[in-house]
Amino acid sequence: MARYTGSVCRLCRREGCKLFLKGDRCYGPNCALTKRPTPPGEHGQARARKMSEYGLQLREKQKAKRAYGVLENQFHSYFENAANQKGITGENLLITLEKRLDNVVYRAGFGSSRAMARQLVRHGHVRVNGKKVNIPSYLVDVNDEISIREKSAQSDYFKGLREGTGKPVPKWLTLDSANLKAIVSALPAREDIDLTIQENLIVELYSR
């Protein structure tokens, strides 16, 4: 499967906002967007041009795709499912993305970035309700328990997480750092998602 393998900091600079793709670096002074807030490329510092309506819509879709590490076909599938659900389509879309197992592992603090969380899932370090799940796109549900495999928990990396990472955990997750477990106590709500994405523009883009 094709996947972007270049510098992820370029993606944040291209979108003009933090997508938290680099883990702890995104929170410190070494963040590339802080040092160079202009888009990448030789014309990045040129005077900004007014973006078309389509361009604005496309940028919001790219933000969401890149933040959650989802490719085009899968993202479109998520949108179609969100459109068939009750409620607001844009919010349904973001909530579905938040329910991905790799995102939940990241939100619980077990991975410093979504990319790292995705790797932990794929390598079999994660359990859902006590069973091995190595599919990053697996969608969690209320009362699901996400934990780290017992053998993996003995590694130095996970031992260091037992005292907590200090990063805020969303209120829809109940974290037990000492036992490296997180319980989905509720479904995520739109106000729980800290990414600066205007989901209504994504809906408009797919409605063209």
C-alpha atoms as a PDB file:
ATOM      1  CA  MET A   1       0.000   0.000   0.000  1.00  0.00           C
ATOM      2  CA  ALA A   2       1.354   3.425  -0.953  1.00  0.00           C
ATOM      3  CA  ARG A   3       2.127   5.729   1.947  1.00  0.00           C
ATOM      4  CA  TYR A   4       3.908   9.043   2.338  1.00  0.00           C
ATOM      5  CA  THR A   5       7.534   8.462   3.383  1.00  0.00           C
ATOM      6  CA  GLY A   6       8.930  11.992   3.249  1.00  0.00           C
ATOM      7  CA  SER A   7       9.429  14.520   6.028  1.00  0.00           C
ATOM      8  CA  VAL A   8       6.217  14.787   8.052  1.00  0.00           C
ATOM      9  CA  CYS A   9       7.210  18.271   9.198  1.00  0.00           C
ATOM     10  CA  ARG A  10       6.722  19.426   5.604  1.00  0.00           C
ATOM     11  CA  LEU A  11       3.089  18.345   5.847  1.00  0.00           C
ATOM     12  CA  CYS A  12       2.456  20.579   8.869  1.00  0.00           C
ATOM     13  CA  ARG A  13       4.137  23.490   7.099  1.00  0.00           C
ATOM     14  CA  ARG A  14       2.088  22.834   3.970  1.00  0.00           C
ATOM     15  CA  GLU A  15      -1.182  22.897   5.909  1.00  0.00           C
ATOM     16  CA  GLY A  16      -0.119  25.821   8.089  1.00  0.00           C
ATOM     17  CA  CYS A  17      -1.048  24.117  11.372  1.00  0.00           C
ATOM     18  CA  LYS A  18       0.261  21.483  13.746  1.00  0.00           C
ATOM     19  CA  LEU A  19      -0.851  17.966  12.864  1.00  0.00           C
ATOM     20  CA  PHE A  20       1.223  16.435  15.700  1.00  0.00           C
ATOM     21  CA  LEU A  21       2.984  13.990  13.395  1.00  0.00           C
ATOM     22  CA  LYS A  22       6.406  14.115  15.071  1.00  0.00           C
ATOM     23  CA  GLY A  23       5.537  13.198  18.631  1.00  0.00           C
ATOM     24  CA  ASP A  24       7.173  15.178  21.439  1.00  0.00           C
ATOM     25  CA  ARG A  25       8.981  17.469  19.003  1.00  0.00           C
ATOM     26  CA  CYS A  26       5.666  19.063  18.059  1.00  0.00           C
ATOM     27  CA  TYR A  27       5.251  20.380  21.616  1.00  0.00           C
ATOM     28  CA  GLY A  28       8.697  21.964  21.924  1.00  0.00           C
ATOM     29  CA  PRO A  29      10.690  24.823  20.400  1.00  0.00           C
ATOM     30  CA  ASN A  30      12.182  22.530  17.743  1.00  0.00           C
ATOM     31  CA  CYS A  31       8.856  22.194  15.947  1.00  0.00           C
ATOM     32  CA  ALA A  32       9.476  22.901  12.262  1.00  0.00           C
ATOM     33  CA  LEU A  33       6.279  24.940  12.006  1.00  0.00           C
ATOM     34  CA  THR A  34       7.514  27.223  14.797  1.00  0.00           C
ATOM     35  CA  LYS A  35      10.891  27.711  13.162  1.00  0.00           C
ATOM     36  CA  ARG A  36       9.636  28.024   9.580  1.00  0.00           C
ATOM     37  CA  PRO A  37       5.912  28.814   9.454  1.00  0.00           C
ATOM     38  CA  THR A  38       5.933  29.222   5.660  1.00  0.00           C
ATOM     39  CA  PRO A  39       4.945  26.451   3.218  1.00  0.00           C
ATOM     40  CA  PRO A  40       7.826  24.232   1.981  1.00  0.00           C
ATOM     41  CA  GLY A  41       9.487  24.811  -1.363  1.00  0.00           C
ATOM     42  CA  GLU A  42      11.278  27.699  -3.036  1.00  0.00           C
ATOM     43  CA  HIS A  43       8.068  29.712  -3.351  1.00  0.00           C
ATOM     44  CA  GLY A  44       6.959  29.156   0.223  1.00  0.00           C
ATOM     45  CA  GLN A  45       7.863  32.670   1.342  1.00  0.00           C
ATOM     46  CA  ALA A  46       6.190  34.346  -1.615  1.00  0.00           C
ATOM     47  CA  ARG A  47       3.198  36.578  -0.974  1.00  0.00           C
ATOM     48  CA  ALA A  48       0.165  34.435  -0.202  1.00  0.00           C
ATOM     49  CA  ARG A  49      -2.444  34.272  -2.919  1.00  0.00           C
ATOM     50  CA  LYS A  50      -6.134  34.194  -2.271  1.00  0.00           C
ATOM     51  CA  MET A  51      -7.242  30.564  -2.282  1.00  0.00           C
ATOM     52  CA  SER A  52     -10.301  29.452  -4.207  1.00  0.00           C
ATOM     53  CA  GLU A  53     -13.295  27.878  -2.494  1.00  0.00           C
ATOM     54  CA  TYR A  54     -12.274  24.488  -3.861  1.00  0.00           C
ATOM     55  CA  GLY A  55      -8.724  25.024  -2.627  1.00  0.00           C
ATOM     56  CA  LEU A  56      -9.946  25.732   0.913  1.00  0.00           C
ATOM     57  CA  GLN A  57     -12.097  22.613   0.888  1.00  0.00           C
ATOM     58  CA  LEU A  58      -9.245  20.476  -0.438  1.00  0.00           C
ATOM     59  CA  ARG A  59      -6.843  21.739   2.220  1.00  0.00           C
ATOM     60  CA  GLU A  60      -9.236  20.762   5.033  1.00  0.00           C
ATOM     61  CA  LYS A  61      -9.563  17.265   3.612  1.00  0.00           C
ATOM     62  CA  GLN A  62      -5.794  16.967   3.336  1.00  0.00           C
ATOM     63  CA  LYS A  63      -5.401  18.124   6.956  1.00  0.00           C
ATOM     64  CA  ALA A  64      -7.693  15.368   8.209  1.00  0.00           C
ATOM     65  CA  LYS A  65      -6.132  12.683   6.003  1.00  0.00           C
ATOM     66  CA  ARG A  66      -2.602  13.583   7.010  1.00  0.00           C
ATOM     67  CA  ALA A  67      -3.337  14.022  10.710  1.00  0.00           C
ATOM     68  CA  TYR A  68      -4.875  10.552  11.007  1.00  0.00           C
ATOM     69  CA  GLY A  69      -2.607   8.876   8.448  1.00  0.00           C
ATOM     70  CA  VAL A  70      -5.436   7.724   6.186  1.00  0.00           C
ATOM     71  CA  LEU A  71      -5.213   7.290   2.418  1.00  0.00           C
ATOM     72  CA  GLU A  72      -7.731   8.650  -0.073  1.00  0.00           C
ATOM     73  CA  ASN A  73      -9.899   5.590  -0.708  1.00  0.00           C
ATOM     74  CA  GLN A  74     -10.227   4.750   2.958  1.00  0.00           C
ATOM     75  CA  PHE A  75     -10.975   8.368   3.834  1.00  0.00           C
ATOM     76  CA  HIS A  76     -13.704   8.482   1.191  1.00  0.00           C
ATOM     77  CA  SER A  77     -15.165   5.274   2.624  1.00  0.00           C
ATOM     78  CA  TYR A  78     -15.234   6.849   6.086  1.00  0.00           C
ATOM     79  CA  PHE A  79     -17.055   9.850   4.639  1.00  0.00           C
ATOM     80  CA  GLU A  80     -19.695   7.707   2.943  1.00  0.00           C
ATOM     81  CA  ASN A  81     -20.336   5.819   6.185  1.00  0.00           C
ATOM     82  CA  ALA A  82     -20.554   9.110   8.092  1.00  0.00           C
ATOM     83  CA  ALA A  83     -23.072  10.450   5.565  1.00  0.00           C
ATOM     84  CA  ASN A  84     -25.296   7.397   6.130  1.00  0.00           C
ATOM     85  CA  GLN A  85     -25.328   7.853   9.903  1.00  0.00           C
ATOM     86  CA  LYS A  86     -27.721  10.020  11.875  1.00  0.00           C
ATOM     87  CA  GLY A  87     -26.433  13.408  12.911  1.00  0.00           C
ATOM     88  CA  ILE A  88     -24.017  15.873  11.322  1.00  0.00           C
ATOM     89  CA  THR A  89     -21.917  14.239   8.617  1.00  0.00           C
ATOM     90  CA  GLY A  90     -18.740  16.203   9.293  1.00  0.00           C
ATOM     91  CA  GLU A  91     -18.807  15.467  13.003  1.00  0.00           C
ATOM     92  CA  ASN A  92     -19.585  11.799  12.333  1.00  0.00           C
ATOM     93  CA  LEU A  93     -16.510  11.651  10.099  1.00  0.00           C
ATOM     94  CA  LEU A  94     -14.126  13.074  12.706  1.00  0.00           C
ATOM     95  CA  ILE A  95     -15.590  10.916  15.469  1.00  0.00           C
ATOM     96  CA  THR A  96     -15.079   7.804  13.313  1.00  0.00           C
ATOM     97  CA  LEU A  97     -11.447   8.774  12.751  1.00  0.00           C
ATOM     98  CA  GLU A  98     -11.000   9.284  16.500  1.00  0.00           C
ATOM     99  CA  LYS A  99     -12.314   5.766  17.135  1.00  0.00           C
ATOM    100  CA  ARG A 100      -9.516   4.152  15.093  1.00  0.00           C
ATOM    101  CA  LEU A 101      -7.407   1.905  17.292  1.00  0.00           C
ATOM    102  CA  ASP A 102      -4.138   3.599  16.332  1.00  0.00           C
ATOM    103  CA  ASN A 103      -5.599   6.970  17.319  1.00  0.00           C
ATOM    104  CA  VAL A 104      -6.881   5.600  20.649  1.00  0.00           C
ATOM    105  CA  VAL A 105      -3.431   4.175  21.429  1.00  0.00           C
ATOM    106  CA  TYR A 106      -1.981   7.610  20.640  1.00  0.00           C
ATOM    107  CA  ARG A 107      -4.593   9.473  22.683  1.00  0.00           C
ATOM    108  CA  ALA A 108      -3.926   7.195  25.655  1.00  0.00           C
ATOM    109  CA  GLY A 109      -0.260   8.176  25.502  1.00  0.00           C
ATOM    110  CA  PHE A 110       1.072   4.731  24.604  1.00  0.00           C
ATOM    111  CA  GLY A 111       2.534   6.149  21.395  1.00  0.00           C
ATOM    112  CA  SER A 112       4.130   9.576  21.038  1.00  0.00           C
ATOM    113  CA  SER A 113       2.552  10.019  17.600  1.00  0.00           C
ATOM    114  CA  ARG A 114      -0.159   8.333  15.554  1.00  0.00           C
ATOM    115  CA  ALA A 115       2.518   6.819  13.321  1.00  0.00           C
ATOM    116  CA  MET A 116       4.227   5.241  16.321  1.00  0.00           C
ATOM    117  CA  ALA A 117       0.876   4.069  17.707  1.00  0.00           C
ATOM    118  CA  ARG A 118       0.102   2.494  14.326  1.00  0.00           C
ATOM    119  CA  GLN A 119       3.402   0.627  14.467  1.00  0.00           C
ATOM    120  CA  LEU A 120       2.683  -0.632  17.989  1.00  0.00           C
ATOM    121  CA  VAL A 121      -0.651  -2.013  16.804  1.00  0.00           C
ATOM    122  CA  ARG A 122       0.786  -3.655  13.714  1.00  0.00           C
ATOM    123  CA  HIS A 123       3.575  -5.322  15.685  1.00  0.00           C
ATOM    124  CA  GLY A 124       1.091  -6.954  18.023  1.00  0.00           C
ATOM    125  CA  HIS A 125       1.815  -4.982  21.206  1.00  0.00           C
ATOM    126  CA  VAL A 126      -1.821  -3.947  21.709  1.00  0.00           C
ATOM    127  CA  ARG A 127      -4.772  -5.894  23.074  1.00  0.00           C
ATOM    128  CA  VAL A 128      -8.466  -5.011  22.846  1.00  0.00           C
ATOM    129  CA  ASN A 129     -10.531  -6.674  25.551  1.00  0.00           C
ATOM    130  CA  GLY A 130      -7.659  -9.071  26.107  1.00  0.00           C
ATOM    131  CA  LYS A 131      -7.409 -10.165  22.470  1.00  0.00           C
ATOM    132  CA  LYS A 132      -4.676  -9.325  20.001  1.00  0.00           C
ATOM    133  CA  VAL A 133      -5.741  -6.782  17.384  1.00  0.00           C
ATOM    134  CA  ASN A 134      -3.096  -5.726  14.850  1.00  0.00           C
ATOM    135  CA  ILE A 135      -5.355  -3.704  12.551  1.00  0.00           C
ATOM    136  CA  PRO A 136      -4.793   0.066  13.049  1.00  0.00           C
ATOM    137  CA  SER A 137      -8.155   0.921  11.457  1.00  0.00           C
ATOM    138  CA  TYR A 138     -10.109  -1.227  13.941  1.00  0.00           C
ATOM    139  CA  LEU A 139     -12.892   0.923  15.415  1.00  0.00           C
ATOM    140  CA  VAL A 140     -13.271   0.779  19.178  1.00  0.00           C
ATOM    141  CA  ASP A 141     -16.600   0.971  21.001  1.00  0.00           C
ATOM    142  CA  VAL A 142     -17.798   2.068  24.422  1.00  0.00           C
ATOM    143  CA  ASN A 143     -16.461  -0.104  27.288  1.00  0.00           C
ATOM    144  CA  ASP A 144     -13.648  -1.534  25.162  1.00  0.00           C
ATOM    145  CA  GLU A 145     -10.423  -1.992  27.118  1.00  0.00           C
ATOM    146  CA  ILE A 146      -7.190  -1.216  25.304  1.00  0.00           C
ATOM    147  CA  SER A 147      -4.071  -2.618  26.954  1.00  0.00           C
ATOM    148  CA  ILE A 148      -0.448  -3.431  26.237  1.00  0.00           C
ATOM    149  CA  ARG A 149       0.583  -7.061  25.843  1.00  0.00           C
ATOM    150  CA  GLU A 150       2.068  -8.358  29.095  1.00  0.00           C
ATOM    151  CA  LYS A 151       5.395  -9.324  27.538  1.00  0.00           C
ATOM    152  CA  SER A 152       5.690  -5.970  25.745  1.00  0.00           C
ATOM    153  CA  ALA A 153       4.911  -4.110  28.970  1.00  0.00           C
ATOM    154  CA  GLN A 154       8.240  -5.334  30.400  1.00  0.00           C
ATOM    155  CA  SER A 155      10.242  -3.312  27.882  1.00  0.00           C
ATOM    156  CA  ASP A 156      12.019  -0.148  29.023  1.00  0.00           C
ATOM    157  CA  TYR A 157       9.805   1.976  26.798  1.00  0.00           C
ATOM    158  CA  PHE A 158       6.552   0.863  28.391  1.00  0.00           C
ATOM    159  CA  LYS A 159       8.030   0.805  31.885  1.00  0.00           C
ATOM    160  CA  GLY A 160       8.687   4.502  31.430  1.00  0.00           C
ATOM    161  CA  LEU A 161       5.014   5.098  30.648  1.00  0.00           C
ATOM    162  CA  ARG A 162       3.730   3.572  33.881  1.00  0.00           C
ATOM    163  CA  GLU A 163       4.215   6.879  35.690  1.00  0.00           C
ATOM    164  CA  GLY A 164       2.269   8.716  32.990  1.00  0.00           C
ATOM    165  CA  THR A 165       3.382  10.959  30.138  1.00  0.00           C
ATOM    166  CA  GLY A 166       2.038  14.199  31.541  1.00  0.00           C
ATOM    167  CA  LYS A 167       0.005  14.769  28.394  1.00  0.00           C
ATOM    168  CA  PRO A 168      -3.739  15.322  28.726  1.00  0.00           C
ATOM    169  CA  VAL A 169      -5.955  12.340  28.004  1.00  0.00           C
ATOM    170  CA  PRO A 170      -9.367  13.036  26.414  1.00  0.00           C
ATOM    171  CA  LYS A 171     -12.296  12.725  28.780  1.00  0.00           C
ATOM    172  CA  TRP A 172     -13.816   9.862  26.764  1.00  0.00           C
ATOM    173  CA  LEU A 173     -10.886   7.668  27.808  1.00  0.00           C
ATOM    174  CA  THR A 174     -10.216   6.391  31.334  1.00  0.00           C
ATOM    175  CA  LEU A 175      -6.494   5.749  31.706  1.00  0.00           C
ATOM    176  CA  ASP A 176      -4.809   3.365  34.141  1.00  0.00           C
ATOM    177  CA  SER A 177      -1.157   4.247  33.595  1.00  0.00           C
ATOM    178  CA  ALA A 178       0.171   1.838  36.218  1.00  0.00           C
ATOM    179  CA  ASN A 179      -1.333  -1.125  34.380  1.00  0.00           C
ATOM    180  CA  LEU A 180      -0.986   0.360  30.885  1.00  0.00           C
ATOM    181  CA  LYS A 181      -4.698   0.160  30.220  1.00  0.00           C
ATOM    182  CA  ALA A 182      -7.283   2.554  28.823  1.00  0.00           C
ATOM    183  CA  ILE A 183     -11.052   2.091  28.780  1.00  0.00           C
ATOM    184  CA  VAL A 184     -13.320   3.784  26.247  1.00  0.00           C
ATOM    185  CA  SER A 185     -15.769   5.258  28.753  1.00  0.00           C
ATOM    186  CA  ALA A 186     -17.775   7.149  26.100  1.00  0.00           C
ATOM    187  CA  LEU A 187     -17.759   7.936  22.427  1.00  0.00           C
ATOM    188  CA  PRO A 188     -15.666  10.988  21.517  1.00  0.00           C
ATOM    189  CA  ALA A 189     -17.560  14.233  20.937  1.00  0.00           C
ATOM    190  CA  ARG A 190     -16.638  16.994  18.502  1.00  0.00           C
ATOM    191  CA  GLU A 191     -15.420  19.271  21.296  1.00  0.00           C
ATOM    192  CA  ASP A 192     -12.956  16.573  22.386  1.00  0.00           C
ATOM    193  CA  ILE A 193     -11.059  16.772  19.079  1.00  0.00           C
ATOM    194  CA  ASP A 194      -8.264  19.326  19.295  1.00  0.00           C
ATOM    195  CA  LEU A 195      -7.339  19.451  15.611  1.00  0.00           C
ATOM    196  CA  THR A 196      -8.164  22.692  13.785  1.00  0.00           C
ATOM    197  CA  ILE A 197     -10.238  21.122  11.032  1.00  0.00           C
ATOM    198  CA  GLN A 198     -13.331  22.700   9.496  1.00  0.00           C
ATOM    199  CA  GLU A 199     -15.197  19.514   8.734  1.00  0.00           C
ATOM    200  CA  ASN A 200     -18.031  21.384   7.012  1.00  0.00           C
ATOM    201  CA  LEU A 201     -15.625  22.212   4.181  1.00  0.00           C
ATOM    202  CA  ILE A 202     -14.855  18.507   3.725  1.00  0.00           C
ATOM    203  CA  VAL A 203     -18.582  17.817   3.409  1.00  0.00           C
ATOM    204  CA  GLU A 204     -18.892  20.594   0.843  1.00  0.00           C
ATOM    205  CA  LEU A 205     -15.971  19.148  -1.126  1.00  0.00           C
ATOM    206  CA  TYR A 206     -17.538  15.690  -1.394  1.00  0.00           C
ATOM    207  CA  SER A 207     -20.912  17.235  -2.201  1.00  0.00           C
ATOM    208  CA  ARG A 208     -19.652  19.020  -5.320  1.00  0.00           C
END
